[in-house]
Amino acid sequence: MGGRKQPFYVRAKSGKPFAFAGLWETWTGPNGEELDTAAIVTTRASRTLAPIHDRMPVVLPPEAFDLWLDCTKVDATTAAALIAPAPENFFEAYPVSTHVNRVANDDPKLVEALVVGAEPVAAPKPAAKPVKRPKNDTGQGTLF
C-alpha cells in the first residue's frame, strides 16, 4: 500500500441507526464572546474494531438516551458507567477503496468492499481547479 492507511466501512450489523455519546457546551470568554464546542466521547475499541484502531466512539443504547441527555437528573457516576465499548459483534467492518478520501466523491463505490488482499484503489484526481482561499484563511475551518 506504500504507507497509505486502509480505509474501512464500519456499520451496525443490524443496519439500524445508533447514537454516539457526545458532549456539547457553550463557552463564554472573558470578553463575553461565545464559542459552541462539541466532541464525541471515545473508549477502548471492542475486539471487533481493535484490529482497525485502539479507540472507538461510545455507542449509547436506546434505553440510555434520556440518562445521557438530561445531565440535571443524572450524576457523573451513572453517566460514566455508560462509557464502554459497544457490545461485541455490534459492528461489522470491511476494507473499502481510498475513493472515500475525497469529499467530492459521493457514489456507491464508497461502501463497496474490497477483495481481501487487494490493493486500495486510488481516488480519481480532481478535474476542477483548486479553490483559492483568502490570504487570512488558515484552512482550519469551523464547526459552526
N, C-alpha and C. Protein backbone atom coordinates (compact mmCIF):
# COMPACT_ATOMS: atom_id res chain seq x y z
N MET A 1 0.83 -1.20 0.00
CA MET A 1 0.00 0.00 0.00
C MET A 1 0.86 1.25 0.00
N GLY A 2 2.17 1.15 0.08
CA GLY A 2 3.02 2.31 0.03
C GLY A 2 2.87 3.23 1.22
N GLY A 3 2.56 2.70 2.38
CA GLY A 3 2.45 3.51 3.58
C GLY A 3 1.10 4.17 3.77
N ARG A 4 0.19 4.03 2.82
CA ARG A 4 -1.13 4.63 2.99
C ARG A 4 -1.98 3.78 3.91
N LYS A 5 -2.81 4.45 4.70
CA LYS A 5 -3.71 3.73 5.59
C LYS A 5 -4.89 3.18 4.80
N GLN A 6 -5.36 2.03 5.22
CA GLN A 6 -6.50 1.39 4.58
C GLN A 6 -7.79 1.91 5.20
N PRO A 7 -8.69 2.52 4.43
CA PRO A 7 -9.98 2.92 4.99
C PRO A 7 -10.91 1.71 5.15
N PHE A 8 -11.80 1.79 6.13
CA PHE A 8 -12.78 0.74 6.39
C PHE A 8 -14.17 1.34 6.47
N TYR A 9 -15.15 0.57 6.07
CA TYR A 9 -16.55 0.92 6.26
C TYR A 9 -17.01 0.20 7.51
N VAL A 10 -17.52 0.96 8.47
CA VAL A 10 -17.97 0.39 9.74
C VAL A 10 -19.45 0.72 9.88
N ARG A 11 -20.23 -0.29 10.22
CA ARG A 11 -21.66 -0.08 10.39
C ARG A 11 -22.20 -1.06 11.42
N ALA A 12 -23.39 -0.74 11.94
CA ALA A 12 -24.06 -1.67 12.84
C ALA A 12 -24.49 -2.89 12.03
N LYS A 13 -24.24 -4.08 12.56
CA LYS A 13 -24.64 -5.30 11.84
C LYS A 13 -26.13 -5.33 11.56
N SER A 14 -26.90 -4.73 12.47
CA SER A 14 -28.35 -4.73 12.31
C SER A 14 -28.81 -3.84 11.17
N GLY A 15 -27.97 -2.91 10.75
CA GLY A 15 -28.36 -1.95 9.72
C GLY A 15 -29.19 -0.81 10.26
N LYS A 16 -29.48 -0.84 11.55
CA LYS A 16 -30.30 0.21 12.17
C LYS A 16 -29.43 1.38 12.61
N PRO A 17 -30.04 2.57 12.74
CA PRO A 17 -29.29 3.72 13.26
C PRO A 17 -28.88 3.49 14.71
N PHE A 18 -27.86 4.20 15.14
CA PHE A 18 -27.40 4.12 16.53
C PHE A 18 -26.89 5.49 16.93
N ALA A 19 -26.64 5.69 18.20
CA ALA A 19 -26.23 7.01 18.71
C ALA A 19 -24.88 6.95 19.40
N PHE A 20 -24.02 7.92 19.07
CA PHE A 20 -22.76 8.09 19.78
C PHE A 20 -22.99 9.00 20.97
N ALA A 21 -22.22 8.78 22.03
CA ALA A 21 -22.25 9.69 23.18
C ALA A 21 -21.46 10.93 22.82
N GLY A 22 -22.03 12.07 23.03
CA GLY A 22 -21.36 13.32 22.71
C GLY A 22 -21.50 14.31 23.85
N LEU A 23 -20.63 15.30 23.82
CA LEU A 23 -20.68 16.39 24.80
C LEU A 23 -20.77 17.69 24.02
N TRP A 24 -21.55 18.63 24.55
CA TRP A 24 -21.74 19.90 23.90
C TRP A 24 -21.74 20.98 24.97
N GLU A 25 -21.14 22.10 24.68
CA GLU A 25 -21.09 23.18 25.65
C GLU A 25 -20.90 24.51 24.92
N THR A 26 -21.48 25.55 25.48
CA THR A 26 -21.21 26.90 25.01
C THR A 26 -20.28 27.54 26.02
N TRP A 27 -19.08 27.90 25.57
CA TRP A 27 -18.07 28.50 26.42
C TRP A 27 -18.15 30.01 26.27
N THR A 28 -18.11 30.73 27.38
CA THR A 28 -18.13 32.18 27.35
C THR A 28 -16.76 32.70 27.75
N GLY A 29 -16.16 33.48 26.88
CA GLY A 29 -14.84 34.03 27.11
C GLY A 29 -14.87 35.26 27.99
N PRO A 30 -13.71 35.78 28.35
CA PRO A 30 -13.62 36.92 29.26
C PRO A 30 -14.24 38.20 28.72
N ASN A 31 -14.39 38.30 27.40
CA ASN A 31 -14.99 39.49 26.80
C ASN A 31 -16.45 39.27 26.41
N GLY A 32 -17.02 38.16 26.89
CA GLY A 32 -18.41 37.85 26.59
C GLY A 32 -18.64 37.09 25.30
N GLU A 33 -17.57 36.79 24.56
CA GLU A 33 -17.73 36.04 23.32
C GLU A 33 -18.13 34.60 23.65
N GLU A 34 -18.94 34.02 22.79
CA GLU A 34 -19.40 32.65 22.99
C GLU A 34 -18.83 31.74 21.92
N LEU A 35 -18.49 30.54 22.32
CA LEU A 35 -17.97 29.54 21.39
C LEU A 35 -18.65 28.22 21.70
N ASP A 36 -19.38 27.68 20.72
CA ASP A 36 -20.02 26.38 20.88
C ASP A 36 -18.99 25.30 20.57
N THR A 37 -18.88 24.32 21.44
CA THR A 37 -17.93 23.23 21.24
C THR A 37 -18.67 21.90 21.35
N ALA A 38 -18.16 20.90 20.64
CA ALA A 38 -18.76 19.57 20.67
C ALA A 38 -17.67 18.52 20.51
N ALA A 39 -17.92 17.36 21.09
CA ALA A 39 -16.97 16.25 20.99
C ALA A 39 -17.72 14.94 21.07
N ILE A 40 -17.20 13.93 20.40
CA ILE A 40 -17.73 12.57 20.52
C ILE A 40 -16.87 11.87 21.56
N VAL A 41 -17.50 11.23 22.53
CA VAL A 41 -16.79 10.53 23.60
C VAL A 41 -16.28 9.20 23.06
N THR A 42 -15.02 8.88 23.37
CA THR A 42 -14.44 7.63 22.91
C THR A 42 -14.04 6.75 24.08
N THR A 43 -13.80 5.48 23.77
CA THR A 43 -13.36 4.49 24.74
C THR A 43 -12.46 3.49 24.01
N ARG A 44 -11.98 2.50 24.73
CA ARG A 44 -11.15 1.48 24.08
C ARG A 44 -12.01 0.73 23.05
N ALA A 45 -11.37 0.23 22.03
CA ALA A 45 -12.09 -0.45 20.96
C ALA A 45 -12.58 -1.83 21.41
N SER A 46 -13.69 -2.24 20.84
CA SER A 46 -14.17 -3.61 21.03
C SER A 46 -13.22 -4.55 20.29
N ARG A 47 -13.31 -5.84 20.57
CA ARG A 47 -12.45 -6.80 19.86
C ARG A 47 -12.70 -6.76 18.36
N THR A 48 -13.92 -6.46 17.97
CA THR A 48 -14.26 -6.40 16.54
C THR A 48 -13.49 -5.28 15.84
N LEU A 49 -13.37 -4.12 16.49
CA LEU A 49 -12.75 -2.96 15.86
C LEU A 49 -11.28 -2.76 16.23
N ALA A 50 -10.79 -3.46 17.24
CA ALA A 50 -9.41 -3.28 17.69
C ALA A 50 -8.37 -3.50 16.59
N PRO A 51 -8.58 -4.42 15.63
CA PRO A 51 -7.58 -4.54 14.56
C PRO A 51 -7.48 -3.29 13.68
N ILE A 52 -8.49 -2.44 13.71
CA ILE A 52 -8.51 -1.23 12.89
C ILE A 52 -7.96 -0.04 13.67
N HIS A 53 -8.37 0.09 14.94
CA HIS A 53 -7.95 1.23 15.76
C HIS A 53 -8.12 0.87 17.23
N ASP A 54 -7.34 1.50 18.09
CA ASP A 54 -7.41 1.17 19.52
C ASP A 54 -8.53 1.91 20.26
N ARG A 55 -9.19 2.89 19.61
CA ARG A 55 -10.29 3.64 20.22
C ARG A 55 -11.52 3.53 19.34
N MET A 56 -12.67 3.77 19.95
CA MET A 56 -13.93 3.81 19.20
C MET A 56 -14.89 4.75 19.91
N PRO A 57 -15.86 5.33 19.20
CA PRO A 57 -16.87 6.16 19.87
C PRO A 57 -17.71 5.31 20.82
N VAL A 58 -18.16 5.94 21.89
CA VAL A 58 -19.09 5.28 22.82
C VAL A 58 -20.46 5.25 22.14
N VAL A 59 -21.05 4.06 22.07
CA VAL A 59 -22.38 3.89 21.49
C VAL A 59 -23.37 3.76 22.64
N LEU A 60 -24.36 4.63 22.64
CA LEU A 60 -25.37 4.59 23.70
C LEU A 60 -26.53 3.70 23.31
N PRO A 61 -26.94 2.80 24.19
CA PRO A 61 -28.14 2.01 23.89
C PRO A 61 -29.38 2.89 24.01
N PRO A 62 -30.43 2.62 23.25
CA PRO A 62 -31.63 3.47 23.29
C PRO A 62 -32.18 3.70 24.69
N GLU A 63 -32.09 2.71 25.57
CA GLU A 63 -32.62 2.88 26.92
C GLU A 63 -31.79 3.87 27.75
N ALA A 64 -30.63 4.27 27.26
CA ALA A 64 -29.78 5.23 27.99
C ALA A 64 -29.85 6.64 27.41
N PHE A 65 -30.59 6.85 26.34
CA PHE A 65 -30.64 8.17 25.72
C PHE A 65 -31.07 9.25 26.71
N ASP A 66 -32.17 9.01 27.42
CA ASP A 66 -32.67 10.02 28.37
C ASP A 66 -31.66 10.28 29.48
N LEU A 67 -31.01 9.23 29.97
CA LEU A 67 -29.99 9.43 31.01
C LEU A 67 -28.86 10.32 30.51
N TRP A 68 -28.37 10.03 29.33
CA TRP A 68 -27.23 10.78 28.80
C TRP A 68 -27.60 12.23 28.50
N LEU A 69 -28.81 12.45 28.00
CA LEU A 69 -29.20 13.78 27.57
C LEU A 69 -29.68 14.71 28.69
N ASP A 70 -30.04 14.17 29.84
CA ASP A 70 -30.54 15.02 30.93
C ASP A 70 -29.54 15.05 32.08
N CYS A 71 -28.55 15.93 31.96
CA CYS A 71 -27.50 15.99 32.98
C CYS A 71 -27.99 16.55 34.30
N THR A 72 -29.19 17.12 34.35
CA THR A 72 -29.70 17.63 35.62
C THR A 72 -30.24 16.51 36.51
N LYS A 73 -30.52 15.35 35.94
CA LYS A 73 -31.09 14.24 36.70
C LYS A 73 -30.15 13.05 36.83
N VAL A 74 -28.95 13.13 36.22
CA VAL A 74 -28.03 12.00 36.23
C VAL A 74 -26.69 12.46 36.80
N ASP A 75 -26.19 11.72 37.78
CA ASP A 75 -24.89 12.09 38.35
C ASP A 75 -23.75 11.57 37.49
N ALA A 76 -22.56 12.05 37.77
CA ALA A 76 -21.38 11.72 36.97
C ALA A 76 -21.08 10.23 37.00
N THR A 77 -21.30 9.57 38.12
CA THR A 77 -21.01 8.14 38.23
C THR A 77 -21.91 7.33 37.29
N THR A 78 -23.19 7.69 37.23
CA THR A 78 -24.13 6.99 36.35
C THR A 78 -23.76 7.23 34.89
N ALA A 79 -23.45 8.47 34.55
CA ALA A 79 -23.06 8.79 33.17
C ALA A 79 -21.77 8.06 32.79
N ALA A 80 -20.80 8.03 33.69
CA ALA A 80 -19.52 7.37 33.41
C ALA A 80 -19.70 5.87 33.18
N ALA A 81 -20.69 5.28 33.83
CA ALA A 81 -20.94 3.84 33.66
C ALA A 81 -21.37 3.50 32.23
N LEU A 82 -21.85 4.49 31.50
CA LEU A 82 -22.28 4.27 30.11
C LEU A 82 -21.10 4.29 29.14
N ILE A 83 -19.94 4.73 29.62
CA ILE A 83 -18.76 4.85 28.74
C ILE A 83 -18.05 3.50 28.69
N ALA A 84 -18.38 2.76 27.65
CA ALA A 84 -17.82 1.41 27.46
C ALA A 84 -17.87 1.08 25.98
N PRO A 85 -17.06 0.14 25.53
CA PRO A 85 -17.13 -0.26 24.11
C PRO A 85 -18.51 -0.83 23.78
N ALA A 86 -18.87 -0.74 22.53
CA ALA A 86 -20.12 -1.35 22.07
C ALA A 86 -20.05 -2.85 22.30
N PRO A 87 -21.19 -3.50 22.45
CA PRO A 87 -21.17 -4.95 22.61
C PRO A 87 -20.43 -5.63 21.46
N GLU A 88 -19.78 -6.74 21.77
CA GLU A 88 -19.06 -7.49 20.73
C GLU A 88 -20.02 -7.83 19.60
N ASN A 89 -19.53 -7.72 18.41
CA ASN A 89 -20.28 -8.01 17.19
C ASN A 89 -21.44 -7.04 16.94
N PHE A 90 -21.46 -5.89 17.64
CA PHE A 90 -22.45 -4.85 17.33
C PHE A 90 -22.15 -4.27 15.94
N PHE A 91 -20.85 -4.08 15.67
CA PHE A 91 -20.40 -3.52 14.41
C PHE A 91 -19.84 -4.60 13.49
N GLU A 92 -19.85 -4.29 12.22
CA GLU A 92 -19.09 -5.05 11.24
C GLU A 92 -18.25 -4.03 10.48
N ALA A 93 -17.11 -4.47 9.99
CA ALA A 93 -16.21 -3.57 9.27
C ALA A 93 -15.54 -4.31 8.13
N TYR A 94 -15.35 -3.62 7.03
CA TYR A 94 -14.63 -4.22 5.91
C TYR A 94 -13.87 -3.13 5.17
N PRO A 95 -12.77 -3.50 4.52
CA PRO A 95 -11.96 -2.50 3.80
C PRO A 95 -12.69 -1.99 2.57
N VAL A 96 -12.50 -0.69 2.30
CA VAL A 96 -13.07 -0.05 1.13
C VAL A 96 -11.97 0.71 0.38
N SER A 97 -12.29 1.19 -0.78
CA SER A 97 -11.35 1.92 -1.62
C SER A 97 -10.94 3.25 -1.00
N THR A 98 -9.77 3.75 -1.38
CA THR A 98 -9.36 5.09 -0.97
C THR A 98 -10.18 6.16 -1.68
N HIS A 99 -11.13 5.75 -2.48
CA HIS A 99 -12.11 6.65 -3.10
C HIS A 99 -12.81 7.48 -2.01
N VAL A 100 -12.87 6.96 -0.78
CA VAL A 100 -13.51 7.68 0.33
C VAL A 100 -12.70 8.89 0.78
N ASN A 101 -11.45 8.99 0.37
CA ASN A 101 -10.58 10.05 0.86
C ASN A 101 -10.76 11.38 0.15
N ARG A 102 -11.79 11.53 -0.62
CA ARG A 102 -12.05 12.79 -1.32
C ARG A 102 -13.52 13.16 -1.15
N VAL A 103 -13.76 14.33 -0.57
CA VAL A 103 -15.13 14.75 -0.29
C VAL A 103 -15.98 14.94 -1.54
N ALA A 104 -15.36 15.15 -2.68
CA ALA A 104 -16.12 15.31 -3.93
C ALA A 104 -16.76 14.00 -4.37
N ASN A 105 -16.26 12.88 -3.87
CA ASN A 105 -16.82 11.58 -4.25
C ASN A 105 -18.05 11.28 -3.42
N ASP A 106 -19.14 10.98 -4.09
CA ASP A 106 -20.40 10.68 -3.41
C ASP A 106 -21.16 9.68 -4.28
N ASP A 107 -20.75 8.42 -4.19
CA ASP A 107 -21.35 7.41 -5.02
C ASP A 107 -21.25 6.06 -4.32
N PRO A 108 -21.89 5.03 -4.86
CA PRO A 108 -21.91 3.71 -4.21
C PRO A 108 -20.53 3.08 -4.01
N LYS A 109 -19.52 3.50 -4.79
CA LYS A 109 -18.19 2.94 -4.64
C LYS A 109 -17.62 3.17 -3.23
N LEU A 110 -18.15 4.17 -2.53
CA LEU A 110 -17.64 4.50 -1.20
C LEU A 110 -17.82 3.36 -0.20
N VAL A 111 -18.83 2.54 -0.40
CA VAL A 111 -19.10 1.47 0.57
C VAL A 111 -18.93 0.06 -0.01
N GLU A 112 -18.41 -0.01 -1.23
CA GLU A 112 -18.16 -1.34 -1.82
C GLU A 112 -16.95 -1.98 -1.15
N ALA A 113 -17.09 -3.24 -0.77
CA ALA A 113 -15.99 -3.96 -0.13
C ALA A 113 -14.88 -4.25 -1.13
N LEU A 114 -13.65 -4.10 -0.68
CA LEU A 114 -12.50 -4.51 -1.48
C LEU A 114 -12.33 -6.01 -1.34
N VAL A 115 -11.81 -6.63 -2.36
CA VAL A 115 -11.49 -8.05 -2.28
C VAL A 115 -10.34 -8.20 -1.29
N VAL A 116 -10.40 -9.17 -0.40
CA VAL A 116 -9.36 -9.38 0.60
C VAL A 116 -8.02 -9.53 -0.08
N GLY A 117 -7.04 -8.78 0.40
CA GLY A 117 -5.70 -8.82 -0.16
C GLY A 117 -5.49 -7.89 -1.34
N ALA A 118 -6.55 -7.22 -1.80
CA ALA A 118 -6.41 -6.29 -2.92
C ALA A 118 -5.81 -4.98 -2.44
N GLU A 119 -5.07 -4.34 -3.32
CA GLU A 119 -4.52 -3.03 -3.01
C GLU A 119 -5.66 -2.01 -3.04
N PRO A 120 -5.60 -0.99 -2.18
CA PRO A 120 -6.62 0.06 -2.25
C PRO A 120 -6.60 0.73 -3.62
N VAL A 121 -7.78 1.06 -4.10
CA VAL A 121 -7.90 1.73 -5.38
C VAL A 121 -7.78 3.23 -5.15
N ALA A 122 -6.91 3.88 -5.87
CA ALA A 122 -6.69 5.32 -5.68
C ALA A 122 -7.93 6.09 -6.10
N ALA A 123 -8.21 7.15 -5.36
CA ALA A 123 -9.32 8.03 -5.70
C ALA A 123 -8.99 8.79 -6.97
N PRO A 124 -9.98 9.06 -7.81
CA PRO A 124 -9.70 9.80 -9.04
C PRO A 124 -9.21 11.21 -8.73
N LYS A 125 -8.36 11.73 -9.61
CA LYS A 125 -7.84 13.09 -9.44
C LYS A 125 -8.94 14.09 -9.76
N PRO A 126 -8.96 15.23 -9.05
CA PRO A 126 -9.99 16.23 -9.32
C PRO A 126 -9.81 16.86 -10.70
N ALA A 127 -10.90 17.13 -11.36
CA ALA A 127 -10.86 17.75 -12.67
C ALA A 127 -10.88 19.28 -12.54
N ALA A 128 -11.50 19.78 -11.50
CA ALA A 128 -11.63 21.22 -11.29
C ALA A 128 -10.36 21.79 -10.67
N LYS A 129 -10.17 23.10 -10.87
CA LYS A 129 -9.04 23.79 -10.26
C LYS A 129 -9.29 23.93 -8.77
N PRO A 130 -8.23 23.93 -7.94
CA PRO A 130 -8.43 24.11 -6.51
C PRO A 130 -9.01 25.48 -6.21
N VAL A 131 -9.81 25.55 -5.15
CA VAL A 131 -10.41 26.80 -4.73
C VAL A 131 -9.35 27.66 -4.06
N LYS A 132 -9.27 28.94 -4.45
CA LYS A 132 -8.30 29.84 -3.82
C LYS A 132 -8.90 30.37 -2.52
N ARG A 133 -8.13 30.30 -1.45
CA ARG A 133 -8.57 30.80 -0.15
C ARG A 133 -8.13 32.24 0.02
N PRO A 134 -8.90 33.01 0.79
CA PRO A 134 -8.45 34.36 1.13
C PRO A 134 -7.12 34.27 1.90
N LYS A 135 -6.31 35.31 1.81
CA LYS A 135 -4.99 35.31 2.44
C LYS A 135 -5.07 35.07 3.95
N ASN A 136 -6.12 35.53 4.60
CA ASN A 136 -6.22 35.36 6.07
C ASN A 136 -6.87 34.04 6.48
N ASP A 137 -7.20 33.17 5.54
CA ASP A 137 -7.81 31.87 5.82
C ASP A 137 -6.73 30.87 6.22
N THR A 138 -6.82 30.33 7.43
CA THR A 138 -5.84 29.38 7.93
C THR A 138 -6.10 27.97 7.43
N GLY A 139 -7.26 27.73 6.83
CA GLY A 139 -7.60 26.40 6.36
C GLY A 139 -8.12 25.50 7.47
N GLN A 140 -8.24 26.03 8.67
CA GLN A 140 -8.69 25.25 9.81
C GLN A 140 -10.17 24.89 9.71
N GLY A 141 -10.97 25.78 9.15
CA GLY A 141 -12.40 25.51 9.07
C GLY A 141 -13.10 25.80 10.38
N THR A 142 -14.40 25.51 10.43
CA THR A 142 -15.19 25.77 11.62
C THR A 142 -16.33 24.78 11.70
N LEU A 143 -16.75 24.47 12.90
CA LEU A 143 -17.92 23.60 13.08
C LEU A 143 -19.22 24.38 13.05
N PHE A 144 -19.15 25.69 13.31
CA PHE A 144 -20.37 26.48 13.46
C PHE A 144 -20.36 27.69 12.55
